[in-house]
Protein backbone atom coordinates (compact mmCIF):
# COMPACT_ATOMS: atom_id res chain seq x y z
CA UNK A 1 -61.45 76.06 -150.99
CA UNK A 2 -58.39 77.54 -152.72
CA UNK A 3 -56.59 75.53 -155.33
CA UNK A 4 -53.47 73.82 -154.04
CA UNK A 5 -50.21 75.11 -155.44
CA UNK A 6 -48.59 73.06 -158.19
CA UNK A 7 -45.90 72.04 -155.70
CA UNK A 8 -48.51 70.76 -153.22
CA UNK A 9 -50.38 68.94 -155.99
CA UNK A 10 -47.19 67.16 -157.09
CA UNK A 11 -46.29 66.36 -153.50
CA UNK A 12 -49.69 64.76 -152.90
CA UNK A 13 -49.48 62.88 -156.20
CA UNK A 14 -46.08 61.47 -155.25
CA UNK A 15 -47.40 60.40 -151.84
CA UNK A 16 -50.32 58.64 -153.53
CA UNK A 17 -47.98 56.86 -155.95
CA UNK A 18 -45.74 55.81 -153.09
CA UNK A 19 -48.67 54.24 -151.27
CA UNK A 20 -49.55 52.34 -154.43
CA UNK A 21 -46.02 50.96 -154.73
CA UNK A 22 -45.50 49.94 -151.09
CA UNK A 23 -47.36 46.60 -151.49
CA UNK A 24 -44.76 45.70 -154.15
CA UNK A 25 -41.95 45.97 -151.56
CA UNK A 26 -41.06 43.73 -148.61
CA UNK A 27 -43.17 44.58 -145.60
CA UNK A 28 -40.10 45.51 -143.56
CA UNK A 29 -39.48 48.41 -145.95
CA UNK A 30 -42.48 50.24 -144.50
CA UNK A 31 -40.42 50.99 -141.39
CA UNK A 32 -37.59 52.41 -143.52
CA UNK A 33 -39.91 54.67 -145.50
CA UNK A 34 -41.54 55.99 -142.33
CA UNK A 35 -38.08 56.99 -141.13
CA UNK A 36 -37.44 58.82 -144.40
CA UNK A 37 -40.65 60.77 -143.97
CA UNK A 38 -39.72 61.66 -140.39
CA UNK A 39 -36.38 63.04 -141.67
CA UNK A 40 -38.33 65.40 -143.94
CA UNK A 41 -37.05 63.91 -147.18
CA UNK A 42 -39.19 65.04 -150.10
CA UNK A 43 -42.04 62.89 -151.36
CA UNK A 44 -40.29 62.77 -154.75
CA UNK A 45 -37.12 61.33 -153.15
CA UNK A 46 -39.09 58.69 -151.28
CA UNK A 47 -40.95 57.75 -154.45
CA UNK A 48 -37.70 57.36 -156.37
CA UNK A 49 -36.29 55.20 -153.58
CA UNK A 50 -39.40 53.02 -153.80
CA UNK A 51 -39.01 52.57 -157.56
CA UNK A 52 -35.32 51.71 -157.16
CA UNK A 53 -35.84 49.25 -154.30
CA UNK A 54 -38.73 47.56 -156.10
CA UNK A 55 -36.41 46.93 -159.04
CA UNK A 56 -33.69 45.67 -156.69
CA UNK A 57 -35.92 43.17 -154.88
CA UNK A 58 -37.49 41.93 -158.10
CA UNK A 59 -33.97 41.29 -159.36
CA UNK A 60 -33.02 39.61 -156.07
CA UNK A 61 -35.73 36.93 -156.24
CA UNK A 62 -34.54 36.05 -159.73
CA UNK A 63 -30.78 36.19 -159.15
CA UNK A 64 -29.95 35.48 -155.49
CA UNK A 65 -30.20 31.88 -154.24
CA UNK A 66 -31.46 32.89 -150.79
CA UNK A 67 -34.30 34.90 -152.38
CA UNK A 68 -35.43 32.50 -155.12
CA UNK A 69 -38.92 31.10 -154.88
CA UNK A 70 -40.08 33.76 -152.44
CA UNK A 71 -42.66 36.49 -152.93
CA UNK A 72 -41.26 39.99 -152.59
CA UNK A 73 -43.86 40.99 -150.00
CA UNK A 74 -42.91 38.05 -147.74
CA UNK A 75 -39.17 38.72 -147.69
CA UNK A 76 -37.74 39.20 -144.20
CA UNK A 77 -35.13 41.72 -143.15
CA UNK A 78 -32.63 39.03 -142.10
CA UNK A 79 -32.32 38.00 -145.76
CA UNK A 80 -30.43 41.24 -146.35
CA UNK A 81 -27.52 39.62 -144.49
CA UNK A 82 -27.17 37.05 -147.27
CA UNK A 83 -26.39 39.66 -149.93
CA UNK A 84 -22.71 40.22 -150.66
CA UNK A 85 -20.95 43.18 -152.26
CA UNK A 86 -20.45 40.98 -155.31
CA UNK A 87 -24.22 40.47 -155.50
CA UNK A 88 -24.77 44.22 -155.57
CA UNK A 89 -22.04 44.61 -158.18
CA UNK A 90 -23.92 42.10 -160.32
CA UNK A 91 -27.12 44.12 -159.88
CA UNK A 92 -25.38 47.29 -161.05
CA UNK A 93 -24.07 45.45 -164.08
CA UNK A 94 -27.60 44.20 -164.80
CA UNK A 95 -28.83 47.78 -164.79
CA UNK A 96 -26.65 48.61 -167.80
CA UNK A 97 -29.19 46.96 -170.09
CA UNK A 98 -32.20 44.83 -169.21
CA UNK A 99 -35.63 43.89 -170.47
CA UNK A 100 -38.96 43.73 -168.66
CA UNK A 101 -42.21 42.27 -169.82
CA UNK A 102 -45.29 44.45 -169.87
CA UNK A 103 -48.85 43.62 -170.85
CA UNK A 104 -50.85 45.52 -173.45
CA UNK A 105 -54.38 44.92 -174.68
CA UNK A 106 -53.04 43.07 -177.70
CA UNK A 107 -50.09 41.10 -176.37
CA UNK A 108 -47.24 40.79 -173.92
CA UNK A 109 -44.18 42.75 -174.95
CA UNK A 110 -40.64 43.32 -173.78
CA UNK A 111 -39.45 46.81 -173.00
CA UNK A 112 -35.75 47.57 -172.77
CA UNK A 113 -34.17 49.78 -170.13
CA UNK A 114 -30.70 51.27 -169.81
CA UNK A 115 -28.94 53.04 -166.95
CA UNK A 116 -25.89 55.25 -167.19
CA UNK A 117 -23.57 56.00 -164.28
CA UNK A 118 -26.02 58.51 -162.81
CA UNK A 119 -28.90 56.00 -162.84
CA UNK A 120 -26.75 53.32 -161.22
CA UNK A 121 -25.47 55.72 -158.58
CA UNK A 122 -29.03 56.68 -157.62
CA UNK A 123 -30.08 53.06 -157.20
CA UNK A 124 -26.96 52.25 -155.21
CA UNK A 125 -27.73 55.21 -152.94
CA UNK A 126 -31.21 53.83 -152.24
CA UNK A 127 -29.81 50.41 -151.30
CA UNK A 128 -27.11 51.97 -149.11
CA UNK A 129 -29.65 54.12 -147.29
CA UNK A 130 -31.89 51.12 -146.59
CA UNK A 131 -29.01 49.06 -145.24
CA UNK A 132 -27.72 51.99 -143.17
CA UNK A 133 -31.12 52.32 -141.50
CA UNK A 134 -31.40 48.64 -140.57
CA UNK A 135 -27.72 48.41 -139.55
CA UNK A 136 -28.22 51.30 -137.12
CA UNK A 137 -31.17 49.44 -135.61
CA UNK A 138 -29.13 46.22 -135.41
CA UNK A 139 -31.45 44.32 -137.73
CA UNK A 140 -28.63 43.56 -140.16
CA UNK A 141 -24.95 42.96 -139.39
CA UNK A 142 -23.30 44.56 -142.43
CA UNK A 143 -23.93 47.09 -145.17
CA UNK A 144 -22.53 45.49 -148.34
CA UNK A 145 -23.63 48.46 -150.44
CA UNK A 146 -21.22 50.68 -148.50
CA UNK A 147 -18.34 48.57 -149.85
CA UNK A 148 -19.25 49.33 -153.46
CA UNK A 149 -17.69 52.36 -155.10
CA UNK A 150 -20.19 54.84 -156.47
CA UNK A 151 -20.07 54.73 -160.28
CA UNK A 152 -18.01 57.64 -161.55
CA UNK A 153 -20.30 60.14 -163.21
CA UNK A 154 -18.72 61.71 -166.26
CA UNK A 155 -19.65 65.32 -166.76
CA UNK A 156 -21.45 65.94 -170.01
CA UNK A 157 -20.80 68.99 -172.10
CA UNK A 158 -23.25 71.74 -171.22
CA UNK A 159 -25.53 72.35 -174.21
CA UNK A 160 -26.66 75.95 -174.61
CA UNK A 161 -28.12 78.15 -177.30
CA UNK A 162 -26.10 81.00 -178.72
CA UNK A 163 -27.76 84.33 -179.51
CA UNK A 164 -28.68 83.44 -183.10
CA UNK A 165 -30.06 80.04 -182.09
CA UNK A 166 -32.20 81.60 -179.37
CA UNK A 167 -33.62 84.05 -181.91
CA UNK A 168 -34.28 81.22 -184.39
CA UNK A 169 -36.11 79.21 -181.72
CA UNK A 170 -38.30 82.12 -180.67
CA UNK A 171 -39.07 82.92 -184.32
CA UNK A 172 -40.16 79.33 -184.87
CA UNK A 173 -42.40 79.44 -181.80
CA UNK A 174 -43.95 82.73 -182.93
CA UNK A 175 -44.38 82.04 -186.65
CA UNK A 176 -44.18 78.23 -187.00
CA UNK A 177 -42.55 78.48 -190.40
CA UNK A 178 -41.16 74.93 -190.39
CA UNK A 179 -44.13 73.13 -188.87
CA UNK A 180 -46.28 70.62 -190.74
CA UNK A 181 -49.76 71.67 -191.78
CA UNK A 182 -51.24 69.56 -188.99
CA UNK A 183 -48.95 71.21 -186.45
CA UNK A 184 -49.79 74.67 -187.82
CA UNK A 185 -53.46 74.09 -187.06
CA UNK A 186 -52.63 73.71 -183.36
CA UNK A 187 -49.99 76.42 -183.58
CA UNK A 188 -52.62 79.00 -184.51
CA UNK A 189 -54.43 78.18 -181.27
CA UNK A 190 -51.42 77.90 -178.95
CA UNK A 191 -48.74 80.23 -180.32
CA UNK A 192 -49.22 83.03 -177.76
CA UNK A 193 -49.13 80.53 -174.91
CA UNK A 194 -46.14 78.67 -176.35
CA UNK A 195 -44.23 81.87 -176.99
CA UNK A 196 -44.90 83.05 -173.43
CA UNK A 197 -43.68 79.74 -172.00
CA UNK A 198 -40.50 79.47 -174.08
CA UNK A 199 -39.65 83.16 -173.63
CA UNK A 200 -40.18 82.85 -169.88
CA UNK A 201 -37.99 79.74 -169.65
CA UNK A 202 -35.09 81.17 -171.62
CA UNK A 203 -35.56 84.65 -170.12
CA UNK A 204 -35.59 83.71 -166.43
CA UNK A 205 -33.80 80.35 -166.14
CA UNK A 206 -36.63 78.84 -164.10
CA UNK A 207 -37.20 75.09 -164.04
CA UNK A 208 -39.99 73.69 -166.18
CA UNK A 209 -41.79 72.50 -163.03
CA UNK A 210 -41.63 76.06 -161.69
CA UNK A 211 -42.99 77.42 -164.95
CA UNK A 212 -46.05 75.17 -165.12
CA UNK A 213 -46.73 75.92 -161.45
CA UNK A 214 -47.16 79.66 -162.01
CA UNK A 215 -50.57 81.06 -161.11
CA UNK A 216 -52.07 84.18 -162.70
CA UNK A 217 -51.62 86.19 -159.51
CA UNK A 218 -47.94 85.21 -159.33
CA UNK A 219 -47.12 87.50 -162.27
CA UNK A 220 -46.46 91.19 -161.59
CA UNK A 221 -46.15 92.92 -164.95
CA UNK A 222 -45.88 96.34 -163.33
CA UNK A 223 -42.59 95.36 -161.70
CA UNK A 224 -41.49 92.76 -164.26
CA UNK A 225 -41.26 89.87 -161.83
CA UNK A 226 -42.87 86.51 -161.12
CA UNK A 227 -43.17 84.40 -157.97
CA UNK A 228 -42.16 80.74 -158.35
CA UNK A 229 -42.07 77.80 -155.98
CA UNK A 230 -38.69 76.09 -155.91
CA UNK A 231 -37.95 72.45 -155.22
CA UNK A 232 -38.67 71.93 -151.54
CA UNK A 233 -41.53 74.40 -151.52
CA UNK A 234 -39.60 77.63 -151.00
CA UNK A 235 -40.91 80.66 -152.86
CA UNK A 236 -38.73 83.21 -154.63
CA UNK A 237 -39.13 86.20 -156.94
CA UNK A 238 -37.54 86.17 -160.41
CA UNK A 239 -37.20 89.33 -162.47
CA UNK A 240 -37.46 89.44 -166.24
CA UNK A 241 -36.72 91.59 -169.28
CA UNK A 242 -38.99 93.58 -171.58
CA UNK A 243 -39.14 90.65 -174.02
CA UNK A 244 -40.50 88.34 -171.34
CA UNK A 245 -42.87 91.10 -170.20
CA UNK A 246 -44.29 91.50 -173.71
CA UNK A 247 -44.76 87.76 -174.26
CA UNK A 248 -46.49 87.29 -170.90
CA UNK A 249 -48.65 90.40 -171.34
CA UNK A 250 -49.89 89.25 -174.76
CA UNK A 251 -50.75 85.80 -173.48
CA UNK A 252 -52.41 87.04 -170.30
CA UNK A 253 -54.83 89.15 -172.33
CA UNK A 254 -55.99 85.98 -174.08
CA UNK A 255 -55.92 83.97 -170.86
CA UNK A 256 -58.71 86.17 -169.44
CA UNK A 257 -61.13 84.79 -172.03
CA UNK A 258 -60.31 81.12 -171.45
CA UNK A 259 -62.57 78.90 -169.35
CA UNK A 260 -60.47 76.53 -167.26
CA UNK A 261 -61.82 73.33 -165.80
CA UNK A 262 -62.79 73.36 -162.10
CA UNK A 263 -59.69 73.25 -159.94
CA UNK A 264 -57.52 74.93 -162.58
CA UNK A 265 -58.90 78.46 -162.37
CA UNK A 266 -55.70 79.97 -160.97
CA UNK A 267 -53.28 78.30 -163.41
CA UNK A 268 -51.53 80.69 -165.79
CA UNK A 269 -50.68 78.25 -168.55
CA UNK A 270 -53.53 76.00 -169.68
CA UNK A 271 -53.68 72.99 -171.96
CA UNK A 272 -56.24 72.71 -174.75
CA UNK A 273 -58.39 70.74 -172.28
CA UNK A 274 -58.51 73.70 -169.90
CA UNK A 275 -56.22 72.10 -167.33
CA UNK A 276 -52.93 73.39 -165.93
CA UNK A 277 -50.35 72.43 -168.54
CA UNK A 278 -48.00 69.65 -167.43
CA UNK A 279 -44.23 69.27 -167.42
CA UNK A 280 -44.24 66.58 -170.10
CA UNK A 281 -46.38 68.72 -172.42
CA UNK A 282 -43.93 71.63 -172.13
CA UNK A 283 -40.97 69.33 -172.69
CA UNK A 284 -42.57 67.96 -175.86
CA UNK A 285 -43.51 71.44 -177.03
CA UNK A 286 -39.97 72.78 -176.64
CA UNK A 287 -38.56 69.72 -178.39
CA UNK A 288 -40.96 70.22 -181.31
CA UNK A 289 -40.00 73.83 -181.95
CA UNK A 290 -36.29 73.28 -181.29
CA UNK A 291 -36.08 70.33 -183.70
CA UNK A 292 -37.32 72.63 -186.48
CA UNK A 293 -35.00 75.54 -185.72
CA UNK A 294 -31.85 74.31 -183.93
CA UNK A 295 -31.16 71.06 -185.71
CA UNK A 296 -27.64 70.37 -184.46
CA UNK A 297 -28.50 70.50 -180.75
CA UNK A 298 -30.92 68.47 -178.65
CA UNK A 299 -32.77 71.25 -176.84
CA UNK A 300 -34.97 70.74 -173.79
CA UNK A 301 -36.34 73.14 -171.17
CA UNK A 302 -33.26 72.42 -169.08
CA UNK A 303 -31.04 73.57 -171.96
CA UNK A 304 -33.00 76.83 -172.01
CA UNK A 305 -32.21 77.15 -168.30
CA UNK A 306 -28.51 76.61 -169.05
CA UNK A 307 -28.72 79.23 -171.78
CA UNK A 308 -30.07 81.81 -169.34
CA UNK A 309 -27.45 80.93 -166.75
CA UNK A 310 -24.73 81.38 -169.37
CA UNK A 311 -26.10 84.73 -170.49
CA UNK A 312 -26.44 85.98 -166.92
CA UNK A 313 -22.91 84.93 -166.02
CA UNK A 314 -21.42 86.49 -169.13
CA UNK A 315 -23.19 89.75 -168.35
CA UNK A 316 -22.36 89.90 -164.64
CA UNK A 317 -19.43 87.61 -163.94
CA UNK A 318 -21.13 86.97 -160.57
CA UNK A 319 -21.34 83.22 -159.98
CA UNK A 320 -23.19 83.72 -156.68
CA UNK A 321 -25.89 85.78 -158.39
CA UNK A 322 -26.28 83.04 -161.01
CA UNK A 323 -26.50 80.35 -158.33
CA UNK A 324 -29.15 82.31 -156.42
CA UNK A 325 -31.18 83.08 -159.54
CA UNK A 326 -31.13 79.48 -160.73
CA UNK A 327 -31.95 78.19 -157.25
CA UNK A 328 -28.81 76.09 -156.81
CA UNK A 329 -28.39 75.09 -153.18
CA UNK A 330 -24.63 74.73 -153.66
CA UNK A 331 -22.66 77.32 -155.61
CA UNK A 332 -20.19 74.57 -156.58
CA UNK A 333 -22.93 73.13 -158.80
CA UNK A 334 -23.07 76.43 -160.62
CA UNK A 335 -19.28 76.72 -160.84
CA UNK A 336 -19.07 73.28 -162.42
CA UNK A 337 -21.46 74.29 -165.19
CA UNK A 338 -19.80 77.59 -166.01
CA UNK A 339 -16.10 76.82 -165.47
CA UNK A 340 -15.39 76.94 -169.19
CA UNK A 341 -16.86 80.45 -169.40
CA UNK A 342 -14.66 81.59 -166.51
CA UNK A 343 -11.60 80.14 -168.23
CA UNK A 344 -12.42 82.02 -171.42
CA UNK A 345 -12.96 85.27 -169.47
CA UNK A 346 -9.56 84.87 -167.80
CA UNK A 347 -7.89 84.03 -171.10
CA UNK A 348 -9.39 87.06 -172.81
CA UNK A 349 -8.44 89.32 -169.91
CA UNK A 350 -4.85 88.06 -170.03
CA UNK A 351 -4.58 89.02 -173.69
CA UNK A 352 -5.17 92.64 -172.77
CA UNK A 353 -2.14 92.76 -170.50
CA UNK A 354 0.78 94.44 -172.28
CA UNK A 355 4.31 93.83 -171.01
CA UNK A 356 5.93 96.21 -173.47
CA UNK A 357 4.54 99.36 -174.91
CA UNK A 358 3.89 99.33 -178.64
C-alpha cells in the first residue's frame, strides 16, 4: 500500500484529534460539526473550531450564571439563548490574558495564555458560526455573537531578509560558524539536509508544510521544478533556480543511502530518526540558524516565504504571478503584503520623469 501524502496524513491526524476533543464539548455540538464536514470545510478548520468552542464552554460554566454547576457535556442547546452580547464581550476580554492549570508528573502548574486581535477574531468566528447554524434550524432565537464587532486586526510590518541577510543565513546553514560545539556535532550530520530545506524555502516561497510534504519523486532536477500539495489538497508545480537545484541535488545524493523507517520511504526530508521531518522541527531549525546570523530580525519559515515573494515581485512587478506562485487564493492578500514595494516602485519611476530638459 502506497504511503499517504503528507496532506492526507495531516488531514487524518486532524480528524483523529477532533474525535478526541468532541467528548469535551456539549453533545449538541456534534450536529454542528457534522454540518461543517458536509460543507467540505477542512479538517484543520473543524479542529480549530473545536479547540475554540471547548475554551468558550469551559469559560461559560465558570462565568455565566445559567451555566454554573453544569458539566460541559450535559449542556443543552437552549442554554445558548441565555448568553448576551455582553457575555461574549467579557469572554473576548478574558482571552487577552488567562491562566489554565495543567498537571505534570511532579506537580500541578499554571500556564498563561494570551490572544491578540487575530486570536480573538478566530474564536468569535467559531461562536458566530455555531449560533448561525442553530439559529437557521430554529433551535436558538438570537445570535448574540453577530452583534459583536470583530476585533480590528492591525497589520504587522512584513519582515523580510535583504540580499546580504539571505547570504549570511545560507552561509550559517552551510558552515555553522556561530553554532555551539554541541550544535556543530549535529550540524555535521544534517548540514546538507538543512541547506536543502532552507534554500528551497527561500528559493521557491513554498509553505513549510508544503516543504516537509515533498516526496523524492516530486522533485524533477532535469527541469528544475518540484510538485507540492497546497492547502486544500491541490497540487501545483514550482520552479526553482540553479542554487536550489544544487542544494537539492547534493542532498538527494546522500538521501539515497539513508534508511527510512517503514511508512516514510517516499519522504524527501528525513529526521535523524528516519521519519519524515515535521513542521515544528523545520521551524526550530530555521530559528536556530537565523538567530546566529540575522540577529536583528525574528526569522521563521514564513519570513523566508515573504522574502521570496518580495524578490519575485521586485524582479517581475507582476502581482498576479506572485499570488499564483505563493498560492494565495485572493490576490488582495498579496497586494496587502507588497503595497510598500509598489509605492517605492512608483516613487522611483516618478523621479525619472523630466519636465524640463537639462
